[in-house]
Amino acid sequence: MGLPEDLADQESELASLPRPEPDAGLRGRVLAAVRGELRRTASSRRLVRGGFWSFAAAAAAAALFWANLSMGAANDTDWDFGPPREKTQLRAAAERIRGLVPELSEREALRHAVLLRAGAGLVMVPQVKGPAGRTELPGDF
């Protein structure tokens, strides 16, 4: 599959035209410019490669990656844990939640039931704040 005849003629005509040769000093100038750029990038690369900030950025990226991975794994669990009695209670609570909020998916209703079950066993503990030793219960403003 070649060029059409008129384009092939134009190509051969252009190829037969005389071409000016580059200046004799051009090669030396290009090589000197390339050497200078290589030196400049090598010295800047040394500054970027090492050092505390490079390590800190890599450590932060790794921590964010693993946090994202663990959150994805945690969100993909089916929450079927505990004895069978608790499972039936959780499923019943999830059905009650879905009865109240029908637009929730079954999985989301089960998640809310687990969260409510986890919060039900918490003990209210006074929090001592301030120099006077005034105690405040959680929820006091």
N, C-alpha and C. Protein backbone atom coordinates (compact mmCIF):
# COMPACT_ATOMS: atom_id res chain seq x y z
N MET A 1 0.86 -1.17 0.00
CA MET A 1 0.00 0.00 0.00
C MET A 1 0.90 1.23 0.00
N GLY A 2 1.06 1.83 -1.15
CA GLY A 2 1.96 2.96 -1.29
C GLY A 2 1.20 4.27 -1.39
N LEU A 3 1.95 5.31 -1.66
CA LEU A 3 1.37 6.63 -1.82
C LEU A 3 0.70 6.74 -3.17
N PRO A 4 -0.30 7.61 -3.28
CA PRO A 4 -0.86 7.88 -4.61
C PRO A 4 0.24 8.43 -5.52
N GLU A 5 0.04 8.31 -6.80
CA GLU A 5 1.08 8.66 -7.78
C GLU A 5 1.52 10.11 -7.67
N ASP A 6 0.59 11.04 -7.49
CA ASP A 6 0.96 12.46 -7.43
C ASP A 6 1.78 12.76 -6.17
N LEU A 7 1.45 12.10 -5.02
CA LEU A 7 2.23 12.32 -3.81
C LEU A 7 3.61 11.66 -3.91
N ALA A 8 3.68 10.52 -4.56
CA ALA A 8 4.98 9.86 -4.74
C ALA A 8 5.88 10.71 -5.62
N ASP A 9 5.29 11.36 -6.65
CA ASP A 9 6.08 12.26 -7.50
C ASP A 9 6.60 13.45 -6.70
N GLN A 10 5.74 14.03 -5.88
CA GLN A 10 6.17 15.18 -5.06
C GLN A 10 7.26 14.76 -4.07
N GLU A 11 7.14 13.56 -3.51
CA GLU A 11 8.15 13.10 -2.56
C GLU A 11 9.50 12.92 -3.25
N SER A 12 9.50 12.33 -4.41
CA SER A 12 10.77 12.13 -5.10
C SER A 12 11.36 13.46 -5.56
N GLU A 13 10.50 14.40 -5.93
CA GLU A 13 10.96 15.73 -6.34
C GLU A 13 11.59 16.47 -5.17
N LEU A 14 10.95 16.37 -3.99
CA LEU A 14 11.50 17.02 -2.79
C LEU A 14 12.81 16.35 -2.37
N ALA A 15 12.90 15.04 -2.50
CA ALA A 15 14.11 14.33 -2.11
C ALA A 15 15.29 14.67 -3.02
N SER A 16 15.00 15.06 -4.27
CA SER A 16 16.09 15.37 -5.21
C SER A 16 16.59 16.80 -5.08
N LEU A 17 15.90 17.64 -4.33
CA LEU A 17 16.34 19.03 -4.17
C LEU A 17 17.63 19.09 -3.34
N PRO A 18 18.47 20.07 -3.59
CA PRO A 18 19.70 20.19 -2.79
C PRO A 18 19.37 20.63 -1.36
N ARG A 19 20.06 20.04 -0.40
CA ARG A 19 19.83 20.36 1.01
C ARG A 19 21.07 21.08 1.54
N PRO A 20 20.85 22.13 2.32
CA PRO A 20 22.02 22.80 2.91
C PRO A 20 22.58 21.94 4.04
N GLU A 21 23.88 21.88 4.14
CA GLU A 21 24.55 21.13 5.20
C GLU A 21 24.63 22.01 6.45
N PRO A 22 24.57 21.41 7.64
CA PRO A 22 24.66 22.21 8.85
C PRO A 22 26.05 22.79 9.01
N ASP A 23 26.12 23.86 9.79
CA ASP A 23 27.38 24.54 10.08
C ASP A 23 28.35 23.56 10.75
N ALA A 24 29.63 23.71 10.48
CA ALA A 24 30.63 22.79 11.01
C ALA A 24 30.71 22.85 12.54
N GLY A 25 30.44 23.98 13.15
CA GLY A 25 30.53 24.12 14.61
C GLY A 25 29.26 23.70 15.33
N LEU A 26 28.23 23.34 14.57
CA LEU A 26 26.95 22.98 15.19
C LEU A 26 27.08 21.75 16.08
N ARG A 27 27.81 20.75 15.61
CA ARG A 27 27.97 19.52 16.38
C ARG A 27 28.59 19.81 17.74
N GLY A 28 29.62 20.60 17.78
CA GLY A 28 30.28 20.94 19.04
C GLY A 28 29.37 21.71 19.97
N ARG A 29 28.58 22.65 19.42
CA ARG A 29 27.66 23.43 20.26
C ARG A 29 26.57 22.54 20.85
N VAL A 30 26.03 21.64 20.04
CA VAL A 30 24.97 20.74 20.54
C VAL A 30 25.52 19.83 21.62
N LEU A 31 26.70 19.25 21.40
CA LEU A 31 27.30 18.37 22.40
C LEU A 31 27.61 19.12 23.70
N ALA A 32 28.09 20.36 23.60
CA ALA A 32 28.38 21.15 24.80
C ALA A 32 27.09 21.46 25.56
N ALA A 33 26.03 21.77 24.83
CA ALA A 33 24.75 22.05 25.48
C ALA A 33 24.20 20.81 26.17
N VAL A 34 24.32 19.66 25.54
CA VAL A 34 23.85 18.41 26.14
C VAL A 34 24.65 18.08 27.38
N ARG A 35 25.99 18.24 27.32
CA ARG A 35 26.82 17.98 28.50
C ARG A 35 26.43 18.90 29.66
N GLY A 36 26.19 20.18 29.35
CA GLY A 36 25.79 21.12 30.39
C GLY A 36 24.46 20.74 31.02
N GLU A 37 23.50 20.33 30.21
CA GLU A 37 22.20 19.91 30.74
C GLU A 37 22.34 18.65 31.59
N LEU A 38 23.15 17.71 31.14
CA LEU A 38 23.35 16.49 31.92
C LEU A 38 23.98 16.79 33.27
N ARG A 39 24.95 17.71 33.30
CA ARG A 39 25.56 18.10 34.58
C ARG A 39 24.53 18.76 35.49
N ARG A 40 23.74 19.66 34.91
CA ARG A 40 22.74 20.39 35.69
C ARG A 40 21.69 19.44 36.25
N THR A 41 21.19 18.52 35.44
CA THR A 41 20.16 17.58 35.94
C THR A 41 20.76 16.59 36.93
N ALA A 42 22.03 16.20 36.73
CA ALA A 42 22.65 15.27 37.68
C ALA A 42 22.82 15.92 39.04
N SER A 43 23.19 17.19 39.07
CA SER A 43 23.36 17.86 40.37
C SER A 43 22.01 18.10 41.04
N SER A 44 20.98 18.46 40.27
CA SER A 44 19.66 18.66 40.88
C SER A 44 19.05 17.33 41.29
N ARG A 45 19.36 16.26 40.58
CA ARG A 45 18.85 14.94 40.94
C ARG A 45 19.44 14.49 42.26
N ARG A 46 20.70 14.83 42.52
CA ARG A 46 21.32 14.48 43.79
C ARG A 46 20.59 15.16 44.95
N LEU A 47 20.16 16.40 44.74
CA LEU A 47 19.45 17.12 45.80
C LEU A 47 18.08 16.52 46.04
N VAL A 48 17.40 16.09 44.98
CA VAL A 48 16.05 15.57 45.12
C VAL A 48 16.05 14.15 45.65
N ARG A 49 17.00 13.33 45.21
CA ARG A 49 17.01 11.92 45.58
C ARG A 49 17.18 11.70 47.06
N GLY A 50 18.12 12.37 47.67
CA GLY A 50 18.40 12.11 49.07
C GLY A 50 17.68 13.09 49.96
N GLY A 51 17.88 12.92 51.23
CA GLY A 51 17.37 13.90 52.17
C GLY A 51 16.13 13.42 52.90
N PHE A 52 15.84 14.16 53.95
CA PHE A 52 14.73 13.81 54.82
C PHE A 52 13.38 13.97 54.14
N TRP A 53 13.20 15.04 53.36
CA TRP A 53 11.88 15.31 52.79
C TRP A 53 11.48 14.25 51.77
N SER A 54 12.46 13.75 51.06
CA SER A 54 12.17 12.66 50.12
C SER A 54 11.70 11.43 50.88
N PHE A 55 12.37 11.11 51.97
CA PHE A 55 11.99 9.97 52.80
C PHE A 55 10.61 10.20 53.41
N ALA A 56 10.37 11.42 53.90
CA ALA A 56 9.08 11.73 54.53
C ALA A 56 7.94 11.61 53.53
N ALA A 57 8.17 12.07 52.31
CA ALA A 57 7.13 11.97 51.29
C ALA A 57 6.85 10.52 50.94
N ALA A 58 7.89 9.71 50.84
CA ALA A 58 7.70 8.29 50.53
C ALA A 58 6.98 7.58 51.68
N ALA A 59 7.34 7.91 52.91
CA ALA A 59 6.69 7.28 54.07
C ALA A 59 5.22 7.69 54.15
N ALA A 60 4.92 8.95 53.87
CA ALA A 60 3.53 9.41 53.89
C ALA A 60 2.72 8.73 52.79
N ALA A 61 3.32 8.59 51.62
CA ALA A 61 2.62 7.92 50.53
C ALA A 61 2.33 6.47 50.87
N ALA A 62 3.30 5.80 51.48
CA ALA A 62 3.10 4.40 51.88
C ALA A 62 2.02 4.29 52.96
N ALA A 63 2.03 5.21 53.92
CA ALA A 63 1.01 5.18 54.98
C ALA A 63 -0.38 5.43 54.40
N LEU A 64 -0.51 6.38 53.49
CA LEU A 64 -1.81 6.63 52.87
C LEU A 64 -2.27 5.43 52.05
N PHE A 65 -1.34 4.79 51.36
CA PHE A 65 -1.70 3.61 50.58
C PHE A 65 -2.24 2.51 51.48
N TRP A 66 -1.53 2.21 52.58
CA TRP A 66 -1.96 1.15 53.47
C TRP A 66 -3.24 1.52 54.20
N ALA A 67 -3.43 2.78 54.54
CA ALA A 67 -4.68 3.20 55.17
C ALA A 67 -5.84 3.01 54.21
N ASN A 68 -5.63 3.39 52.95
CA ASN A 68 -6.67 3.20 51.95
C ASN A 68 -6.99 1.73 51.76
N LEU A 69 -5.95 0.91 51.73
CA LEU A 69 -6.14 -0.53 51.55
C LEU A 69 -6.90 -1.12 52.73
N SER A 70 -6.54 -0.74 53.95
CA SER A 70 -7.22 -1.30 55.12
C SER A 70 -8.65 -0.81 55.22
N MET A 71 -8.89 0.44 54.84
CA MET A 71 -10.27 0.94 54.85
C MET A 71 -11.12 0.20 53.81
N GLY A 72 -10.53 -0.07 52.67
CA GLY A 72 -11.26 -0.83 51.65
C GLY A 72 -11.58 -2.23 52.14
N ALA A 73 -10.63 -2.87 52.82
CA ALA A 73 -10.88 -4.21 53.34
C ALA A 73 -11.92 -4.17 54.46
N ALA A 74 -11.86 -3.17 55.31
CA ALA A 74 -12.83 -3.06 56.40
C ALA A 74 -14.24 -2.79 55.86
N ASN A 75 -14.34 -2.02 54.82
CA ASN A 75 -15.66 -1.73 54.25
C ASN A 75 -16.24 -2.91 53.49
N ASP A 76 -15.39 -3.88 53.15
CA ASP A 76 -15.85 -5.02 52.39
C ASP A 76 -16.20 -6.21 53.27
N THR A 77 -16.11 -6.08 54.59
CA THR A 77 -16.47 -7.19 55.46
C THR A 77 -17.98 -7.32 55.54
N ASP A 78 -18.44 -8.50 55.87
CA ASP A 78 -19.88 -8.73 55.89
C ASP A 78 -20.49 -8.59 57.29
N TRP A 79 -19.69 -8.29 58.30
CA TRP A 79 -20.12 -8.04 59.67
C TRP A 79 -20.79 -9.25 60.31
N ASP A 80 -20.58 -10.45 59.80
CA ASP A 80 -21.15 -11.65 60.42
C ASP A 80 -20.17 -12.18 61.46
N PHE A 81 -20.24 -11.64 62.66
CA PHE A 81 -19.38 -12.09 63.74
C PHE A 81 -20.21 -12.28 64.99
N GLY A 82 -19.66 -12.94 65.95
CA GLY A 82 -20.37 -13.18 67.20
C GLY A 82 -21.16 -14.46 67.15
N PRO A 83 -21.73 -14.82 68.30
CA PRO A 83 -22.54 -16.04 68.35
C PRO A 83 -23.80 -15.90 67.48
N PRO A 84 -24.42 -17.03 67.13
CA PRO A 84 -25.60 -16.97 66.26
C PRO A 84 -26.74 -16.15 66.84
N ARG A 85 -26.87 -16.14 68.19
CA ARG A 85 -27.95 -15.36 68.81
C ARG A 85 -27.80 -13.88 68.47
N GLU A 86 -26.55 -13.39 68.52
CA GLU A 86 -26.31 -11.97 68.20
C GLU A 86 -26.59 -11.70 66.73
N LYS A 87 -26.28 -12.66 65.87
CA LYS A 87 -26.53 -12.46 64.44
C LYS A 87 -28.01 -12.28 64.16
N THR A 88 -28.83 -13.08 64.80
CA THR A 88 -30.27 -12.94 64.57
C THR A 88 -30.78 -11.62 65.13
N GLN A 89 -30.23 -11.20 66.28
CA GLN A 89 -30.63 -9.91 66.84
C GLN A 89 -30.20 -8.76 65.93
N LEU A 90 -28.96 -8.88 65.36
CA LEU A 90 -28.50 -7.83 64.46
C LEU A 90 -29.36 -7.76 63.19
N ARG A 91 -29.70 -8.94 62.67
CA ARG A 91 -30.54 -8.95 61.46
C ARG A 91 -31.93 -8.37 61.75
N ALA A 92 -32.47 -8.67 62.93
CA ALA A 92 -33.78 -8.13 63.31
C ALA A 92 -33.69 -6.60 63.46
N ALA A 93 -32.59 -6.14 64.07
CA ALA A 93 -32.42 -4.68 64.22
C ALA A 93 -32.26 -4.02 62.85
N ALA A 94 -31.54 -4.69 61.95
CA ALA A 94 -31.37 -4.14 60.59
C ALA A 94 -32.71 -4.06 59.87
N GLU A 95 -33.56 -5.07 60.07
CA GLU A 95 -34.89 -5.02 59.44
C GLU A 95 -35.74 -3.89 60.02
N ARG A 96 -35.63 -3.67 61.34
CA ARG A 96 -36.36 -2.55 61.94
C ARG A 96 -35.86 -1.22 61.38
N ILE A 97 -34.55 -1.11 61.20
CA ILE A 97 -33.99 0.13 60.64
C ILE A 97 -34.48 0.31 59.21
N ARG A 98 -34.48 -0.77 58.43
CA ARG A 98 -34.97 -0.66 57.04
C ARG A 98 -36.45 -0.32 57.00
N GLY A 99 -37.20 -0.76 58.03
CA GLY A 99 -38.62 -0.39 58.10
C GLY A 99 -38.78 1.10 58.33
N LEU A 100 -37.86 1.69 59.11
CA LEU A 100 -37.92 3.13 59.38
C LEU A 100 -37.37 3.96 58.22
N VAL A 101 -36.30 3.45 57.60
CA VAL A 101 -35.65 4.17 56.49
C VAL A 101 -35.56 3.21 55.30
N PRO A 102 -36.61 3.11 54.49
CA PRO A 102 -36.63 2.10 53.43
C PRO A 102 -35.61 2.33 52.31
N GLU A 103 -35.09 3.54 52.17
CA GLU A 103 -34.14 3.77 51.07
C GLU A 103 -32.74 3.23 51.37
N LEU A 104 -32.50 2.79 52.61
CA LEU A 104 -31.20 2.18 52.94
C LEU A 104 -31.12 0.78 52.34
N SER A 105 -29.93 0.44 51.89
CA SER A 105 -29.72 -0.92 51.39
C SER A 105 -29.65 -1.87 52.59
N GLU A 106 -29.75 -3.15 52.30
CA GLU A 106 -29.70 -4.14 53.39
C GLU A 106 -28.35 -4.10 54.09
N ARG A 107 -27.30 -3.94 53.32
CA ARG A 107 -25.95 -3.89 53.87
C ARG A 107 -25.77 -2.63 54.74
N GLU A 108 -26.29 -1.51 54.29
CA GLU A 108 -26.16 -0.26 55.06
C GLU A 108 -26.98 -0.34 56.34
N ALA A 109 -28.16 -0.94 56.29
CA ALA A 109 -28.97 -1.09 57.50
C ALA A 109 -28.26 -2.00 58.50
N LEU A 110 -27.61 -3.07 58.01
CA LEU A 110 -26.87 -3.95 58.90
C LEU A 110 -25.68 -3.22 59.52
N ARG A 111 -25.04 -2.36 58.74
CA ARG A 111 -23.93 -1.57 59.27
C ARG A 111 -24.41 -0.65 60.40
N HIS A 112 -25.55 -0.01 60.20
CA HIS A 112 -26.10 0.86 61.26
C HIS A 112 -26.48 0.04 62.49
N ALA A 113 -27.01 -1.15 62.29
CA ALA A 113 -27.36 -2.00 63.43
C ALA A 113 -26.11 -2.38 64.22
N VAL A 114 -25.02 -2.70 63.52
CA VAL A 114 -23.77 -3.03 64.21
C VAL A 114 -23.26 -1.82 64.99
N LEU A 115 -23.33 -0.64 64.38
CA LEU A 115 -22.86 0.56 65.08
C LEU A 115 -23.72 0.86 66.30
N LEU A 116 -25.02 0.70 66.18
CA LEU A 116 -25.89 0.93 67.33
C LEU A 116 -25.62 -0.09 68.43
N ARG A 117 -25.38 -1.34 68.04
CA ARG A 117 -25.07 -2.39 69.01
C ARG A 117 -23.75 -2.09 69.72
N ALA A 118 -22.77 -1.60 68.99
CA ALA A 118 -21.48 -1.28 69.59
C ALA A 118 -21.60 -0.11 70.56
N GLY A 119 -22.41 0.86 70.22
CA GLY A 119 -22.57 2.02 71.09
C GLY A 119 -23.44 1.74 72.29
N ALA A 120 -24.25 0.69 72.25
CA ALA A 120 -25.15 0.39 73.36
C ALA A 120 -24.40 -0.06 74.60
N GLY A 121 -23.22 -0.65 74.42
CA GLY A 121 -22.48 -1.16 75.57
C GLY A 121 -21.52 -0.17 76.18
N LEU A 122 -21.47 1.05 75.66
CA LEU A 122 -20.54 2.04 76.20
C LEU A 122 -21.02 2.56 77.55
N VAL A 123 -20.08 2.83 78.42
CA VAL A 123 -20.39 3.34 79.75
C VAL A 123 -20.10 4.83 79.76
N MET A 124 -21.03 5.62 80.31
CA MET A 124 -20.81 7.07 80.39
C MET A 124 -19.81 7.33 81.51
N VAL A 125 -18.72 7.97 81.16
CA VAL A 125 -17.67 8.27 82.12
C VAL A 125 -17.51 9.78 82.18
N PRO A 126 -17.45 10.35 83.38
CA PRO A 126 -17.28 11.80 83.47
C PRO A 126 -15.90 12.21 82.95
N GLN A 127 -15.85 13.33 82.30
CA GLN A 127 -14.59 13.87 81.81
C GLN A 127 -14.24 15.10 82.64
N VAL A 128 -13.10 15.07 83.28
CA VAL A 128 -12.67 16.19 84.12
C VAL A 128 -11.91 17.16 83.22
N LYS A 129 -12.38 18.41 83.20
CA LYS A 129 -11.74 19.42 82.36
C LYS A 129 -11.53 20.69 83.16
N GLY A 130 -10.52 21.41 82.78
CA GLY A 130 -10.29 22.73 83.36
C GLY A 130 -9.57 22.68 84.69
N PRO A 131 -9.04 23.82 85.10
CA PRO A 131 -8.28 23.87 86.35
C PRO A 131 -9.14 23.73 87.59
N ALA A 132 -10.42 24.04 87.51
CA ALA A 132 -11.26 23.99 88.70
C ALA A 132 -11.70 22.56 89.01
N GLY A 133 -11.46 21.63 88.09
CA GLY A 133 -11.84 20.25 88.34
C GLY A 133 -13.32 20.00 88.10
N ARG A 134 -13.98 20.87 87.37
CA ARG A 134 -15.40 20.72 87.09
C ARG A 134 -15.61 19.49 86.22
N THR A 135 -16.50 18.60 86.59
CA THR A 135 -16.74 17.41 85.79
C THR A 135 -17.88 17.67 84.82
N GLU A 136 -17.72 17.13 83.64
CA GLU A 136 -18.76 17.27 82.62
C GLU A 136 -19.07 15.89 82.07
N LEU A 137 -20.32 15.62 81.87
CA LEU A 137 -20.70 14.38 81.22
C LEU A 137 -20.65 14.57 79.73
N PRO A 138 -20.34 13.52 78.99
CA PRO A 138 -20.34 13.65 77.52
C PRO A 138 -21.70 14.14 77.05
N GLY A 139 -21.69 15.09 76.18
CA GLY A 139 -22.92 15.67 75.68
C GLY A 139 -23.27 16.98 76.34
N ASP A 140 -22.67 17.30 77.50
CA ASP A 140 -22.90 18.60 78.15
C ASP A 140 -22.18 19.68 77.35
N PHE A 141 -22.82 20.80 77.21
CA PHE A 141 -22.19 21.89 76.47
C PHE A 141 -22.02 23.11 77.34
